[in-house]
C-alpha atoms as a PDB file:
ATOM      1  CA  MET A   1       0.000   0.000   0.000  1.00  0.00           C
ATOM      2  CA  GLU A   2       1.146   3.513  -0.664  1.00  0.00           C
ATOM      3  CA  GLY A   3       2.034   6.108   1.913  1.00  0.00           C
ATOM      4  CA  VAL A   4       0.131   9.228   2.856  1.00  0.00           C
ATOM      5  CA  ARG A   5       1.288  12.842   2.992  1.00  0.00           C
ATOM      6  CA  LEU A   6      -1.205  15.462   4.197  1.00  0.00           C
ATOM      7  CA  ALA A   7      -0.953  19.154   5.023  1.00  0.00           C
ATOM      8  CA  PHE A   8      -3.696  21.233   6.590  1.00  0.00           C
ATOM      9  CA  LYS A   9      -3.564  24.995   7.005  1.00  0.00           C
ATOM     10  CA  TYR A  10      -4.958  25.061  10.515  1.00  0.00           C
ATOM     11  CA  ALA A  11      -4.438  28.823  10.829  1.00  0.00           C
ATOM     12  CA  ALA A  12      -7.273  29.294   8.323  1.00  0.00           C
ATOM     13  CA  TRP A  13      -9.628  26.985  10.256  1.00  0.00           C
ATOM     14  CA  LYS A  14     -11.975  29.028  12.427  1.00  0.00           C
ATOM     15  CA  PRO A  15     -14.107  26.387  14.138  1.00  0.00           C
ATOM     16  CA  THR A  16     -17.396  27.338  15.719  1.00  0.00           C
ATOM     17  CA  ARG A  17     -18.031  26.159  19.269  1.00  0.00           C
ATOM     18  CA  GLU A  18     -20.137  23.306  17.880  1.00  0.00           C
ATOM     19  CA  GLU A  19     -17.401  22.279  15.435  1.00  0.00           C
ATOM     20  CA  TRP A  20     -14.806  22.262  18.226  1.00  0.00           C
ATOM     21  CA  ILE A  21     -17.065  20.113  20.404  1.00  0.00           C
ATOM     22  CA  LYS A  22     -17.623  17.696  17.507  1.00  0.00           C
ATOM     23  CA  ALA A  23     -13.857  17.506  16.869  1.00  0.00           C
ATOM     24  CA  ALA A  24     -13.256  16.800  20.571  1.00  0.00           C
ATOM     25  CA  GLN A  25     -15.806  13.980  20.465  1.00  0.00           C
ATOM     26  CA  CYS A  26     -13.696  12.276  17.782  1.00  0.00           C
ATOM     27  CA  ILE A  27     -10.578  11.866  19.941  1.00  0.00           C
ATOM     28  CA  GLN A  28      -9.635  10.001  23.126  1.00  0.00           C
ATOM     29  CA  GLN A  29     -10.054  11.514  26.566  1.00  0.00           C
ATOM     30  CA  ASP A  30      -6.290  11.644  27.212  1.00  0.00           C
ATOM     31  CA  GLU A  31      -5.879  13.546  23.931  1.00  0.00           C
ATOM     32  CA  LYS A  32      -8.583  16.015  24.976  1.00  0.00           C
ATOM     33  CA  ASP A  33      -6.882  16.478  28.346  1.00  0.00           C
ATOM     34  CA  ARG A  34      -3.506  17.116  26.703  1.00  0.00           C
ATOM     35  CA  ILE A  35      -4.952  19.576  24.188  1.00  0.00           C
ATOM     36  CA  GLY A  36      -6.825  21.358  26.978  1.00  0.00           C
ATOM     37  CA  LYS A  37      -3.520  22.154  28.709  1.00  0.00           C
ATOM     38  CA  PHE A  38      -2.185  24.321  25.886  1.00  0.00           C
ATOM     39  CA  VAL A  39      -1.871  27.962  26.887  1.00  0.00           C
ATOM     40  CA  PHE A  40      -2.478  29.322  23.400  1.00  0.00           C
ATOM     41  CA  GLY A  41      -5.562  28.476  21.356  1.00  0.00           C
ATOM     42  CA  ARG A  42      -3.454  28.312  18.207  1.00  0.00           C
ATOM     43  CA  ASP A  43      -1.402  25.449  19.684  1.00  0.00           C
ATOM     44  CA  ALA A  44      -4.533  23.586  20.792  1.00  0.00           C
ATOM     45  CA  LYS A  45      -5.996  23.933  17.317  1.00  0.00           C
ATOM     46  CA  ALA A  46      -2.797  22.640  15.675  1.00  0.00           C
ATOM     47  CA  ALA A  47      -2.738  19.636  18.018  1.00  0.00           C
ATOM     48  CA  MET A  48      -6.435  18.908  17.426  1.00  0.00           C
ATOM     49  CA  VAL A  49      -5.920  18.957  13.666  1.00  0.00           C
ATOM     50  CA  GLY A  50      -2.979  16.584  14.062  1.00  0.00           C
ATOM     51  CA  ARG A  51      -5.051  14.098  16.038  1.00  0.00           C
ATOM     52  CA  LEU A  52      -7.885  14.267  13.523  1.00  0.00           C
ATOM     53  CA  LEU A  53      -5.474  13.757  10.595  1.00  0.00           C
ATOM     54  CA  MET A  54      -3.973  10.701  12.319  1.00  0.00           C
ATOM     55  CA  ARG A  55      -7.357   9.172  13.004  1.00  0.00           C
ATOM     56  CA  LYS A  56      -8.613   9.826   9.485  1.00  0.00           C
ATOM     57  CA  THR A  57      -5.500   8.240   7.983  1.00  0.00           C
ATOM     58  CA  ILE A  58      -5.582   5.201  10.286  1.00  0.00           C
ATOM     59  CA  SER A  59      -9.278   4.671   9.676  1.00  0.00           C
ATOM     60  CA  LYS A  60      -8.943   4.931   5.910  1.00  0.00           C
ATOM     61  CA  LYS A  61      -5.742   2.902   5.477  1.00  0.00           C
ATOM     62  CA  LEU A  62      -6.524   0.151   7.990  1.00  0.00           C
ATOM     63  CA  CYS A  63     -10.315   0.127   7.574  1.00  0.00           C
ATOM     64  CA  LEU A  64     -10.825   0.691  11.289  1.00  0.00           C
ATOM     65  CA  PRO A  65     -13.809   2.571  12.694  1.00  0.00           C
ATOM     66  CA  TRP A  66     -12.768   5.737  14.547  1.00  0.00           C
ATOM     67  CA  LYS A  67     -14.204   4.368  17.795  1.00  0.00           C
ATOM     68  CA  ASP A  68     -11.805   1.384  17.614  1.00  0.00           C
ATOM     69  CA  ILE A  69      -8.659   3.483  17.188  1.00  0.00           C
ATOM     70  CA  GLU A  70      -6.593   3.757  20.341  1.00  0.00           C
ATOM     71  CA  LEU A  71      -3.447   5.860  20.242  1.00  0.00           C
ATOM     72  CA  VAL A  72      -0.582   5.831  22.718  1.00  0.00           C
ATOM     73  CA  ARG A  73       2.811   7.532  22.832  1.00  0.00           C
ATOM     74  CA  SER A  74       6.250   5.960  22.718  1.00  0.00           C
ATOM     75  CA  ASP A  75       8.869   6.756  25.358  1.00  0.00           C
ATOM     76  CA  LYS A  76      10.026   9.561  23.056  1.00  0.00           C
ATOM     77  CA  GLY A  77       6.507  10.958  22.571  1.00  0.00           C
ATOM     78  CA  LYS A  78       5.893   9.592  19.064  1.00  0.00           C
ATOM     79  CA  PRO A  79       2.244   8.641  18.471  1.00  0.00           C
ATOM     80  CA  LEU A  80       1.604   4.911  18.038  1.00  0.00           C
ATOM     81  CA  LEU A  81      -1.435   2.812  17.235  1.00  0.00           C
ATOM     82  CA  LYS A  82      -2.223   0.565  20.199  1.00  0.00           C
ATOM     83  CA  THR A  83      -5.147  -1.147  18.493  1.00  0.00           C
ATOM     84  CA  PRO A  84      -3.974  -4.341  16.786  1.00  0.00           C
ATOM     85  CA  THR A  85      -4.836  -4.627  13.111  1.00  0.00           C
ATOM     86  CA  THR A  86      -6.687  -7.683  11.865  1.00  0.00           C
ATOM     87  CA  ASN A  87      -4.394  -8.181   8.862  1.00  0.00           C
ATOM     88  CA  GLY A  88      -1.094  -7.646  10.715  1.00  0.00           C
ATOM     89  CA  GLU A  89      -0.104  -4.559   8.731  1.00  0.00           C
ATOM     90  CA  LYS A  90       1.950  -1.980  10.593  1.00  0.00           C
ATOM     91  CA  LEU A  91       1.322   1.670   9.811  1.00  0.00           C
ATOM     92  CA  SER A  92       3.985   4.161  10.870  1.00  0.00           C
ATOM     93  CA  PHE A  93       2.834   7.764  11.109  1.00  0.00           C
ATOM     94  CA  ASN A  94       3.918  11.090  12.516  1.00  0.00           C
ATOM     95  CA  ILE A  95       2.671  14.657  12.667  1.00  0.00           C
ATOM     96  CA  ALA A  96       4.245  18.066  13.075  1.00  0.00           C
ATOM     97  CA  HIS A  97       2.850  21.561  13.340  1.00  0.00           C
ATOM     98  CA  GLN A  98       4.432  24.980  13.157  1.00  0.00           C
ATOM     99  CA  GLY A  99       3.651  28.258  11.491  1.00  0.00           C
ATOM    100  CA  ASP A 100       0.257  27.894   9.808  1.00  0.00           C
ATOM    101  CA  PHE A 101       0.353  24.160   9.039  1.00  0.00           C
ATOM    102  CA  THR A 102      -0.128  20.750  10.576  1.00  0.00           C
ATOM    103  CA  ILE A 103       1.353  17.981   8.442  1.00  0.00           C
ATOM    104  CA  LEU A 104       1.161  14.208   8.538  1.00  0.00           C
ATOM    105  CA  ALA A 105       3.253  11.465   6.983  1.00  0.00           C
ATOM    106  CA  ALA A 106       2.268   7.795   7.126  1.00  0.00           C
ATOM    107  CA  ASN A 107       3.730   4.704   5.538  1.00  0.00           C
ATOM    108  CA  PHE A 108       3.500   0.933   5.673  1.00  0.00           C
ATOM    109  CA  GLU A 109       6.623  -1.108   6.343  1.00  0.00           C
ATOM    110  CA  GLN A 110       8.921   1.894   6.922  1.00  0.00           C
ATOM    111  CA  THR A 111       9.170   4.134   9.956  1.00  0.00           C
ATOM    112  CA  VAL A 112       8.439   7.751   9.097  1.00  0.00           C
ATOM    113  CA  GLY A 113       9.178  11.050  10.753  1.00  0.00           C
ATOM    114  CA  VAL A 114       8.139  14.507   9.683  1.00  0.00           C
ATOM    115  CA  ASP A 115       8.944  18.080  10.565  1.00  0.00           C
ATOM    116  CA  VAL A 116       7.720  21.453   9.384  1.00  0.00           C
ATOM    117  CA  MET A 117       9.072  24.923   9.961  1.00  0.00           C
ATOM    118  CA  LYS A 118       7.880  28.350   8.980  1.00  0.00           C
ATOM    119  CA  VAL A 119      10.754  30.157   7.312  1.00  0.00           C
ATOM    120  CA  GLU A 120      11.002  33.856   7.941  1.00  0.00           C
ATOM    121  CA  ARG A 121      13.667  36.266   6.780  1.00  0.00           C
ATOM    122  CA  PRO A 122      16.009  37.601   9.422  1.00  0.00           C
ATOM    123  CA  ASN A 123      15.316  41.185  10.479  1.00  0.00           C
ATOM    124  CA  GLY A 124      16.477  43.791   8.000  1.00  0.00           C
ATOM    125  CA  ILE A 125      16.987  41.380   5.105  1.00  0.00           C
ATOM    126  CA  LYS A 126      15.018  42.179   1.965  1.00  0.00           C
ATOM    127  CA  GLY A 127      16.159  39.325  -0.240  1.00  0.00           C
ATOM    128  CA  LEU A 128      18.873  36.860  -1.127  1.00  0.00           C
ATOM    129  CA  SER A 129      20.558  39.260  -3.524  1.00  0.00           C
ATOM    130  CA  GLU A 130      21.826  41.183  -0.481  1.00  0.00           C
ATOM    131  CA  PHE A 131      23.891  38.171   0.515  1.00  0.00           C
ATOM    132  CA  PHE A 132      25.307  37.166  -2.820  1.00  0.00           C
ATOM    133  CA  SER A 133      26.412  40.466  -4.338  1.00  0.00           C
ATOM    134  CA  ASP A 134      30.080  41.434  -4.351  1.00  0.00           C
ATOM    135  CA  ASN A 135      29.142  44.510  -2.326  1.00  0.00           C
ATOM    136  CA  ALA A 136      27.408  42.584   0.448  1.00  0.00           C
ATOM    137  CA  PRO A 137      28.998  43.228   3.837  1.00  0.00           C
ATOM    138  CA  ALA A 138      30.770  40.239   5.364  1.00  0.00           C
ATOM    139  CA  VAL A 139      28.385  40.363   8.309  1.00  0.00           C
ATOM    140  CA  HIS A 140      25.449  39.723   5.930  1.00  0.00           C
ATOM    141  CA  ARG A 141      27.176  36.709   4.398  1.00  0.00           C
ATOM    142  CA  LEU A 142      27.921  35.364   7.884  1.00  0.00           C
ATOM    143  CA  ARG A 143      24.313  35.884   9.002  1.00  0.00           C
ATOM    144  CA  MET A 144      23.075  34.033   5.913  1.00  0.00           C
ATOM    145  CA  ALA A 145      25.456  31.133   6.523  1.00  0.00           C
ATOM    146  CA  ASN A 146      24.304  30.890  10.155  1.00  0.00           C
ATOM    147  CA  TYR A 147      20.646  31.204   9.173  1.00  0.00           C
ATOM    148  CA  THR A 148      20.738  28.434   6.565  1.00  0.00           C
ATOM    149  CA  CYS A 149      22.851  26.088   8.717  1.00  0.00           C
ATOM    150  CA  ILE A 150      20.452  26.403  11.640  1.00  0.00           C
ATOM    151  CA  ARG A 151      17.522  25.497   9.421  1.00  0.00           C
END
């Protein structure tokens, strides 16, 4: 079976109270408790979207009803499917959220990991041409080297 790659722009999702309640009804109690501890609503929304993407993917790929999906976390915090599959297939999946997006990667037979990062220009930088011109100050070239290496 083929893998799955999904991205959802959670920053554009403005759930009503009823939609949020419905979303919360689709996840486990421990997931609700964890999401409820976020200080910022934006973080809670990103985490909720991640849980919904995982459940949708697991349900679709393994033909499991949502109510039968039980998720746990590994020692390192990676989400895992606790529910045994009837056909013995193992689905590896992971989510990440940052900036405006929550993303998911899932694959059979191979362990997957995923990360996302919003890239923003350093303060005072208008474009790459500032770094690559012969007239660019050495400090700009150094800042660019540090910026790209960190990413």
